[in-house]
Protein backbone atom coordinates (compact mmCIF):
# COMPACT_ATOMS: atom_id res chain seq x y z
CA MET A 1 15.92 8.89 0.82
CA SER A 2 14.75 10.62 4.01
CA ASN A 3 12.18 12.60 1.98
CA ASP A 4 10.70 9.32 0.70
CA LEU A 5 10.59 7.97 4.25
CA GLU A 6 8.71 11.08 5.44
CA LYS A 7 6.19 10.71 2.60
CA MET A 8 5.65 7.08 3.53
CA LYS A 9 5.17 8.00 7.21
CA LEU A 10 2.63 10.65 6.21
CA LYS A 11 0.65 8.07 4.23
CA ILE A 12 0.69 5.72 7.20
CA CYS A 13 -0.33 8.49 9.59
CA ASN A 14 -3.21 9.88 7.54
CA ARG A 15 -5.41 6.92 6.65
CA GLY A 16 -8.79 6.04 8.03
CA LEU A 17 -12.45 6.97 7.79
CA THR A 18 -14.16 10.07 9.09
CA ASN A 19 -16.43 9.56 12.10
CA ALA A 20 -19.53 9.81 9.91
CA GLN A 21 -18.16 7.32 7.38
CA LEU A 22 -17.18 4.89 10.11
CA SER A 23 -20.55 5.13 11.88
CA LYS A 24 -22.44 4.55 8.64
CA ARG A 25 -20.28 1.61 7.59
CA VAL A 26 -20.39 -0.05 11.03
CA LEU A 27 -24.18 0.08 11.09
CA GLU A 28 -24.43 -1.19 7.51
CA LEU A 29 -22.21 -4.16 8.35
CA LYS A 30 -23.91 -4.86 11.68
CA TYR A 31 -27.43 -4.91 10.22
CA THR A 32 -26.46 -7.02 7.23
CA GLY A 33 -25.11 -9.78 9.46
CA GLN A 34 -21.46 -8.85 9.10
CA GLY A 35 -20.69 -7.99 12.71
CA ASP A 36 -17.21 -9.53 12.54
CA GLU A 37 -16.33 -7.30 9.60
CA ALA A 38 -17.71 -4.29 11.46
CA LYS A 39 -15.48 -5.08 14.44
CA LYS A 40 -12.43 -5.44 12.18
CA LEU A 41 -13.22 -2.05 10.65
CA VAL A 42 -13.52 -0.42 14.08
CA ASP A 43 -10.29 -2.11 15.23
CA GLN A 44 -8.44 -0.83 12.16
CA ASN A 45 -9.71 2.72 12.52
CA LEU A 46 -8.96 2.79 16.23
CA MET A 47 -5.43 1.61 15.52
CA LEU A 48 -4.99 4.23 12.81
CA ASP A 49 -6.22 6.97 15.15
CA VAL A 50 -3.86 5.79 17.89
CA PHE A 51 -0.94 5.81 15.50
CA ASN A 52 -1.90 9.24 14.18
CA PHE A 53 -1.32 10.58 17.69
CA ILE A 54 1.96 8.68 17.92
CA CYS A 55 3.04 10.26 14.61
CA ASP A 56 2.60 13.76 16.08
CA LYS A 57 6.18 14.90 16.52
CA GLU A 58 5.12 18.02 18.41
CA ALA A 59 3.35 16.22 21.25
CA SER A 60 5.14 15.03 24.37
CA ILE A 61 4.86 11.41 25.45
CA GLU A 62 2.48 12.46 28.24
CA GLN A 63 0.26 14.37 25.82
CA THR A 64 0.26 11.41 23.47
CA LYS A 65 -0.66 8.99 26.28
CA GLU A 66 -3.56 11.24 27.24
CA LYS A 67 -4.81 11.49 23.65
CA VAL A 68 -4.52 7.74 23.12
CA GLY A 69 -6.49 7.07 26.31
CA LYS A 70 -9.23 9.45 25.18
CA VAL A 71 -9.51 7.98 21.70
CA VAL A 72 -9.70 4.41 23.03
CA THR A 73 -12.48 5.53 25.40
CA TRP A 74 -14.25 7.34 22.54
CA TYR A 75 -14.24 4.18 20.39
CA GLU A 76 -15.93 2.19 23.15
CA LYS A 77 -19.31 3.34 21.79
CA TYR A 78 -18.66 1.35 18.61
CA TYR A 79 -17.63 -1.72 20.56
CA LYS A 80 -20.72 -1.41 22.74
CA ILE A 81 -22.97 -1.29 19.67
CA LEU A 82 -21.23 -4.41 18.37
CA GLY A 83 -21.35 -6.21 21.72
CA SER A 84 -17.58 -6.45 22.11
CA GLU A 85 -14.59 -4.58 23.55
CA ALA A 86 -11.53 -2.77 22.27
CA PRO A 87 -8.54 -5.07 21.79
CA ASN A 88 -6.44 -5.30 24.96
CA GLU A 89 -3.25 -4.61 23.04
CA LEU A 90 -4.60 -1.16 22.19
CA LYS A 91 -5.95 -0.51 25.68
CA GLU A 92 -2.60 -1.42 27.17
CA ILE A 93 -0.29 0.01 24.50
CA ASN A 94 3.04 1.27 25.84
CA VAL A 95 2.77 4.68 24.21
CA GLY A 96 6.15 5.86 25.45
CA LYS A 97 7.95 2.91 23.88
CA VAL A 98 6.10 3.21 20.57
CA VAL A 99 6.72 6.98 20.38
CA GLU A 100 10.44 6.46 21.04
CA GLU A 101 10.63 3.74 18.37
CA TYR A 102 8.75 5.90 15.88
CA LYS A 103 11.00 8.91 16.48
CA SER A 104 14.12 6.73 16.19
CA MET A 105 13.08 5.80 12.65
CA ALA A 106 13.19 9.45 11.51
């Protein structure tokens, strides 16, 4: 059972687009009048990247907080291109709490 749970966690923690794929898709959506879809795509990929850091069992909570802060800042270029902002719930995520909850599921 625990092996299946680990496999499922790995699937959750390894999804998303590469930077090049995301950039291309965001621009395609933006310039075909699908800005809302582009924002959803950026939101989803940002969330996946945040949770990839949270899934890193080797990192301390402080290291994870630092990485999450950097990735949210990095994604701001996409939001700027789309004329919006990163979701507040991701900007203000309680990394320590989420890391503890994630580790308690192991």
